[in-house]
Amino acid sequence: MKSLRTNCMVLLLACLSPLPALAVGAIAVDDDQSLSEPAYGFSVRQPNRQTAERVALNYCRQNGDNCRAVVWFETCGAYAASARHYGYGWGATKSKATSDALKMCGSNSCKVVVAECER
């Protein structure tokens, strides 16, 4: 009987545990001041953080030489840029990610370049 209770408790805890992320996304940027606009790359629906960052970096390197992954996300991510500034954000909603990206960008001329959600 004790074993049955233990097994039921383990099963209950497993059911209540958060589900693993189904996919991961990332954003990479090259904010080299000699570029007319910051180069960027993004990825979504990747199996893990490393793959998401690698895919984003590969896209970014098509237009920039000094790309770096700046953010990865399991829910929503956004990237905003102007000719001289950029910002990124993440959060539970596209609205939150976009708002944070624009705030970090810090210029009235910043525009959202990409905003994606995994779910």
N, C-alpha and C. Protein backbone atom coordinates (compact mmCIF):
# COMPACT_ATOMS: atom_id res chain seq x y z
N MET A 1 0.83 -1.19 0.00
CA MET A 1 0.00 0.00 0.00
C MET A 1 0.87 1.26 0.00
N LYS A 2 1.94 1.24 0.81
CA LYS A 2 2.84 2.39 0.86
C LYS A 2 3.49 2.64 -0.50
N SER A 3 3.85 1.54 -1.18
CA SER A 3 4.45 1.64 -2.50
C SER A 3 3.46 2.24 -3.50
N LEU A 4 2.21 1.86 -3.42
CA LEU A 4 1.18 2.40 -4.30
C LEU A 4 1.02 3.90 -4.08
N ARG A 5 1.00 4.33 -2.81
CA ARG A 5 0.90 5.76 -2.51
C ARG A 5 2.11 6.52 -3.06
N THR A 6 3.28 5.95 -2.89
CA THR A 6 4.50 6.59 -3.39
C THR A 6 4.44 6.72 -4.91
N ASN A 7 4.05 5.65 -5.58
CA ASN A 7 3.95 5.69 -7.04
C ASN A 7 2.93 6.72 -7.51
N CYS A 8 1.80 6.80 -6.82
CA CYS A 8 0.77 7.78 -7.18
C CYS A 8 1.29 9.20 -6.97
N MET A 9 2.03 9.39 -5.88
CA MET A 9 2.58 10.72 -5.60
C MET A 9 3.59 11.12 -6.68
N VAL A 10 4.45 10.20 -7.08
CA VAL A 10 5.44 10.47 -8.13
C VAL A 10 4.72 10.80 -9.44
N LEU A 11 3.70 10.04 -9.78
CA LEU A 11 2.94 10.29 -11.00
C LEU A 11 2.25 11.65 -10.95
N LEU A 12 1.68 11.99 -9.81
CA LEU A 12 1.02 13.29 -9.65
C LEU A 12 2.02 14.43 -9.82
N LEU A 13 3.18 14.31 -9.20
CA LEU A 13 4.21 15.35 -9.33
C LEU A 13 4.70 15.47 -10.76
N ALA A 14 4.84 14.36 -11.45
CA ALA A 14 5.27 14.39 -12.85
C ALA A 14 4.23 15.11 -13.71
N CYS A 15 2.97 14.89 -13.42
CA CYS A 15 1.91 15.55 -14.19
C CYS A 15 1.85 17.05 -13.90
N LEU A 16 2.20 17.45 -12.70
CA LEU A 16 2.15 18.86 -12.33
C LEU A 16 3.41 19.63 -12.73
N SER A 17 4.47 18.92 -13.09
CA SER A 17 5.71 19.60 -13.47
C SER A 17 5.50 20.33 -14.79
N PRO A 18 6.20 21.47 -14.96
CA PRO A 18 6.06 22.20 -16.21
C PRO A 18 6.54 21.36 -17.39
N LEU A 19 5.87 21.51 -18.50
CA LEU A 19 6.26 20.78 -19.69
C LEU A 19 7.55 21.36 -20.25
N PRO A 20 8.40 20.54 -20.83
CA PRO A 20 9.61 21.07 -21.42
C PRO A 20 9.27 21.93 -22.64
N ALA A 21 10.14 22.86 -22.94
CA ALA A 21 9.92 23.74 -24.08
C ALA A 21 9.89 22.91 -25.35
N LEU A 22 8.98 23.22 -26.23
CA LEU A 22 8.87 22.50 -27.48
C LEU A 22 9.88 23.02 -28.50
N ALA A 23 10.29 24.27 -28.35
CA ALA A 23 11.21 24.86 -29.31
C ALA A 23 11.88 26.08 -28.68
N VAL A 24 12.98 26.46 -29.29
CA VAL A 24 13.77 27.58 -28.80
C VAL A 24 14.09 28.49 -29.98
N GLY A 25 14.19 29.79 -29.70
CA GLY A 25 14.58 30.76 -30.70
C GLY A 25 15.75 31.58 -30.20
N ALA A 26 16.41 32.31 -31.10
CA ALA A 26 17.54 33.16 -30.73
C ALA A 26 17.65 34.32 -31.70
N ILE A 27 18.31 35.38 -31.23
CA ILE A 27 18.59 36.55 -32.07
C ILE A 27 20.07 36.86 -31.95
N ALA A 28 20.71 37.11 -33.08
CA ALA A 28 22.12 37.48 -33.13
C ALA A 28 22.23 38.82 -33.84
N VAL A 29 23.17 39.66 -33.42
CA VAL A 29 23.35 40.97 -34.05
C VAL A 29 24.83 41.29 -34.22
N ASP A 30 25.10 42.18 -35.18
CA ASP A 30 26.41 42.79 -35.37
C ASP A 30 26.15 44.28 -35.37
N ASP A 31 26.50 44.93 -34.28
CA ASP A 31 26.21 46.37 -34.16
C ASP A 31 27.42 47.22 -34.52
N ASP A 32 28.25 46.72 -35.41
CA ASP A 32 29.43 47.46 -35.88
C ASP A 32 29.00 48.83 -36.40
N GLN A 33 29.60 49.87 -35.86
CA GLN A 33 29.22 51.25 -36.22
C GLN A 33 29.51 51.58 -37.69
N SER A 34 30.35 50.81 -38.36
CA SER A 34 30.65 51.11 -39.76
C SER A 34 29.53 50.63 -40.69
N LEU A 35 28.64 49.80 -40.19
CA LEU A 35 27.51 49.34 -40.99
C LEU A 35 26.43 50.41 -41.02
N SER A 36 25.72 50.52 -42.12
CA SER A 36 24.64 51.51 -42.19
C SER A 36 23.48 51.11 -41.27
N GLU A 37 23.28 49.84 -41.10
CA GLU A 37 22.28 49.32 -40.16
C GLU A 37 22.89 48.09 -39.48
N PRO A 38 22.55 47.85 -38.23
CA PRO A 38 23.08 46.64 -37.58
C PRO A 38 22.62 45.39 -38.33
N ALA A 39 23.54 44.48 -38.58
CA ALA A 39 23.17 43.20 -39.19
C ALA A 39 22.53 42.35 -38.11
N TYR A 40 21.62 41.48 -38.49
CA TYR A 40 20.97 40.62 -37.53
C TYR A 40 20.58 39.29 -38.17
N GLY A 41 20.33 38.34 -37.34
CA GLY A 41 19.81 37.05 -37.75
C GLY A 41 18.96 36.50 -36.63
N PHE A 42 17.98 35.71 -36.95
CA PHE A 42 17.15 35.11 -35.90
C PHE A 42 16.78 33.69 -36.30
N SER A 43 16.40 32.95 -35.30
CA SER A 43 15.92 31.59 -35.55
C SER A 43 14.76 31.31 -34.61
N VAL A 44 13.89 30.44 -35.04
CA VAL A 44 12.77 29.97 -34.22
C VAL A 44 12.59 28.48 -34.47
N ARG A 45 11.86 27.86 -33.56
CA ARG A 45 11.51 26.45 -33.69
C ARG A 45 12.73 25.53 -33.77
N GLN A 46 13.77 25.84 -32.99
CA GLN A 46 14.96 25.00 -32.94
C GLN A 46 14.87 24.06 -31.73
N PRO A 47 15.57 22.93 -31.77
CA PRO A 47 15.44 21.94 -30.70
C PRO A 47 16.12 22.32 -29.38
N ASN A 48 17.09 23.23 -29.41
CA ASN A 48 17.79 23.62 -28.18
C ASN A 48 18.47 24.98 -28.37
N ARG A 49 18.98 25.51 -27.27
CA ARG A 49 19.60 26.84 -27.28
C ARG A 49 20.80 26.91 -28.22
N GLN A 50 21.67 25.92 -28.17
CA GLN A 50 22.87 25.94 -29.00
C GLN A 50 22.53 25.99 -30.48
N THR A 51 21.59 25.18 -30.89
CA THR A 51 21.19 25.17 -32.30
C THR A 51 20.53 26.49 -32.68
N ALA A 52 19.68 27.01 -31.81
CA ALA A 52 19.01 28.29 -32.08
C ALA A 52 20.04 29.40 -32.26
N GLU A 53 21.03 29.47 -31.37
CA GLU A 53 22.06 30.50 -31.48
C GLU A 53 22.90 30.31 -32.74
N ARG A 54 23.25 29.07 -33.06
CA ARG A 54 24.07 28.81 -34.25
C ARG A 54 23.33 29.24 -35.53
N VAL A 55 22.06 28.91 -35.63
CA VAL A 55 21.27 29.28 -36.81
C VAL A 55 21.16 30.81 -36.91
N ALA A 56 20.88 31.47 -35.79
CA ALA A 56 20.78 32.94 -35.80
C ALA A 56 22.12 33.57 -36.21
N LEU A 57 23.22 33.04 -35.69
CA LEU A 57 24.55 33.56 -36.05
C LEU A 57 24.83 33.37 -37.53
N ASN A 58 24.47 32.21 -38.08
CA ASN A 58 24.70 31.96 -39.51
C ASN A 58 23.95 32.97 -40.37
N TYR A 59 22.70 33.27 -40.03
CA TYR A 59 21.95 34.27 -40.79
C TYR A 59 22.58 35.66 -40.64
N CYS A 60 22.97 36.01 -39.43
CA CYS A 60 23.57 37.31 -39.18
C CYS A 60 24.86 37.48 -39.98
N ARG A 61 25.67 36.44 -40.04
CA ARG A 61 26.97 36.51 -40.72
C ARG A 61 26.85 36.68 -42.23
N GLN A 62 25.65 36.55 -42.77
CA GLN A 62 25.46 36.82 -44.20
C GLN A 62 25.60 38.31 -44.49
N ASN A 63 25.44 39.17 -43.46
CA ASN A 63 25.52 40.62 -43.64
C ASN A 63 26.48 41.30 -42.68
N GLY A 64 27.08 40.57 -41.76
CA GLY A 64 27.98 41.17 -40.78
C GLY A 64 29.08 40.21 -40.39
N ASP A 65 30.22 40.76 -39.99
CA ASP A 65 31.37 39.93 -39.64
C ASP A 65 31.51 39.70 -38.14
N ASN A 66 30.95 40.56 -37.32
CA ASN A 66 31.15 40.50 -35.88
C ASN A 66 29.86 40.17 -35.13
N CYS A 67 29.15 39.18 -35.62
CA CYS A 67 27.87 38.82 -35.03
C CYS A 67 28.06 38.10 -33.71
N ARG A 68 27.10 38.34 -32.81
CA ARG A 68 27.08 37.61 -31.55
C ARG A 68 25.62 37.37 -31.17
N ALA A 69 25.39 36.23 -30.55
CA ALA A 69 24.05 35.92 -30.09
C ALA A 69 23.77 36.78 -28.86
N VAL A 70 22.68 37.53 -28.90
CA VAL A 70 22.37 38.44 -27.79
C VAL A 70 21.23 37.93 -26.90
N VAL A 71 20.38 37.09 -27.43
CA VAL A 71 19.27 36.59 -26.61
C VAL A 71 18.75 35.28 -27.21
N TRP A 72 18.32 34.41 -26.32
CA TRP A 72 17.59 33.21 -26.74
C TRP A 72 16.31 33.16 -25.92
N PHE A 73 15.30 32.49 -26.44
CA PHE A 73 14.00 32.50 -25.78
C PHE A 73 13.24 31.22 -26.03
N GLU A 74 12.38 30.90 -25.08
CA GLU A 74 11.50 29.74 -25.21
C GLU A 74 10.05 30.16 -25.45
N THR A 75 9.76 31.42 -25.31
CA THR A 75 8.39 31.90 -25.54
C THR A 75 8.41 32.89 -26.70
N CYS A 76 8.65 34.17 -26.40
CA CYS A 76 8.67 35.19 -27.45
C CYS A 76 9.95 36.02 -27.38
N GLY A 77 10.41 36.45 -28.53
CA GLY A 77 11.59 37.31 -28.60
C GLY A 77 11.38 38.36 -29.66
N ALA A 78 12.06 39.51 -29.51
CA ALA A 78 11.93 40.60 -30.48
C ALA A 78 13.26 41.32 -30.62
N TYR A 79 13.46 41.92 -31.79
CA TYR A 79 14.65 42.70 -32.09
C TYR A 79 14.19 44.00 -32.76
N ALA A 80 14.67 45.12 -32.23
CA ALA A 80 14.35 46.44 -32.79
C ALA A 80 15.66 47.12 -33.16
N ALA A 81 15.64 47.95 -34.20
CA ALA A 81 16.87 48.62 -34.63
C ALA A 81 16.58 49.93 -35.32
N SER A 82 17.59 50.80 -35.27
CA SER A 82 17.63 52.01 -36.09
C SER A 82 18.98 51.97 -36.79
N ALA A 83 19.37 53.04 -37.44
CA ALA A 83 20.65 53.06 -38.13
C ALA A 83 21.83 52.93 -37.17
N ARG A 84 21.67 53.34 -35.92
CA ARG A 84 22.81 53.31 -34.99
C ARG A 84 22.54 52.59 -33.67
N HIS A 85 21.33 52.12 -33.44
CA HIS A 85 21.00 51.50 -32.17
C HIS A 85 20.25 50.19 -32.39
N TYR A 86 20.29 49.35 -31.40
CA TYR A 86 19.46 48.15 -31.44
C TYR A 86 19.05 47.78 -30.03
N GLY A 87 18.04 46.96 -29.94
CA GLY A 87 17.58 46.45 -28.66
C GLY A 87 16.89 45.13 -28.87
N TYR A 88 16.85 44.34 -27.83
CA TYR A 88 16.17 43.06 -27.91
C TYR A 88 15.38 42.84 -26.64
N GLY A 89 14.42 41.97 -26.72
CA GLY A 89 13.60 41.66 -25.56
C GLY A 89 13.02 40.28 -25.68
N TRP A 90 12.55 39.76 -24.58
CA TRP A 90 11.89 38.46 -24.56
C TRP A 90 10.84 38.49 -23.46
N GLY A 91 9.92 37.57 -23.56
CA GLY A 91 8.88 37.52 -22.53
C GLY A 91 7.80 36.53 -22.89
N ALA A 92 6.77 36.52 -22.09
CA ALA A 92 5.67 35.58 -22.25
C ALA A 92 4.78 35.91 -23.45
N THR A 93 4.82 37.17 -23.90
CA THR A 93 4.00 37.58 -25.04
C THR A 93 4.84 38.37 -26.04
N LYS A 94 4.36 38.42 -27.27
CA LYS A 94 5.04 39.20 -28.30
C LYS A 94 5.04 40.68 -27.92
N SER A 95 3.97 41.13 -27.32
CA SER A 95 3.87 42.52 -26.88
C SER A 95 4.95 42.87 -25.86
N LYS A 96 5.18 42.00 -24.89
CA LYS A 96 6.21 42.23 -23.87
C LYS A 96 7.60 42.24 -24.50
N ALA A 97 7.89 41.28 -25.36
CA ALA A 97 9.19 41.21 -26.02
C ALA A 97 9.43 42.45 -26.87
N THR A 98 8.42 42.87 -27.61
CA THR A 98 8.52 44.05 -28.48
C THR A 98 8.74 45.32 -27.66
N SER A 99 7.97 45.48 -26.60
CA SER A 99 8.10 46.65 -25.73
C SER A 99 9.50 46.75 -25.15
N ASP A 100 10.03 45.63 -24.65
CA ASP A 100 11.38 45.62 -24.08
C ASP A 100 12.44 45.92 -25.13
N ALA A 101 12.27 45.39 -26.34
CA ALA A 101 13.24 45.64 -27.42
C ALA A 101 13.27 47.12 -27.78
N LEU A 102 12.11 47.75 -27.90
CA LEU A 102 12.04 49.17 -28.23
C LEU A 102 12.62 50.02 -27.11
N LYS A 103 12.33 49.66 -25.88
CA LYS A 103 12.87 50.40 -24.73
C LYS A 103 14.40 50.30 -24.70
N MET A 104 14.94 49.12 -24.92
CA MET A 104 16.39 48.94 -24.91
C MET A 104 17.05 49.69 -26.07
N CYS A 105 16.39 49.72 -27.21
CA CYS A 105 16.93 50.41 -28.38
C CYS A 105 17.13 51.89 -28.08
N GLY A 106 16.18 52.49 -27.39
CA GLY A 106 16.36 53.83 -26.86
C GLY A 106 16.32 54.99 -27.83
N SER A 107 15.92 54.79 -29.04
CA SER A 107 15.85 55.89 -30.00
C SER A 107 14.44 55.95 -30.58
N ASN A 108 13.96 57.15 -30.83
CA ASN A 108 12.63 57.29 -31.44
C ASN A 108 12.57 56.71 -32.83
N SER A 109 13.73 56.55 -33.46
CA SER A 109 13.75 56.02 -34.82
C SER A 109 13.81 54.49 -34.86
N CYS A 110 13.85 53.83 -33.71
CA CYS A 110 13.89 52.37 -33.67
C CYS A 110 12.57 51.77 -34.15
N LYS A 111 12.69 50.71 -34.90
CA LYS A 111 11.53 49.98 -35.39
C LYS A 111 11.74 48.50 -35.12
N VAL A 112 10.67 47.79 -34.84
CA VAL A 112 10.76 46.35 -34.62
C VAL A 112 11.08 45.68 -35.95
N VAL A 113 12.16 44.93 -35.96
CA VAL A 113 12.60 44.23 -37.17
C VAL A 113 11.98 42.84 -37.21
N VAL A 114 11.98 42.18 -36.06
CA VAL A 114 11.41 40.83 -35.99
C VAL A 114 10.87 40.62 -34.58
N ALA A 115 9.74 39.96 -34.51
CA ALA A 115 9.14 39.55 -33.24
C ALA A 115 8.47 38.21 -33.50
N GLU A 116 8.91 37.18 -32.78
CA GLU A 116 8.40 35.84 -33.00
C GLU A 116 8.10 35.17 -31.67
N CYS A 117 7.14 34.26 -31.71
CA CYS A 117 6.81 33.45 -30.55
C CYS A 117 6.90 31.97 -30.91
N GLU A 118 7.31 31.19 -29.93
CA GLU A 118 7.46 29.75 -30.14
C GLU A 118 6.14 29.01 -30.01
N ARG A 119 5.20 29.56 -29.29
CA ARG A 119 3.95 28.84 -29.04
C ARG A 119 2.78 29.61 -29.54
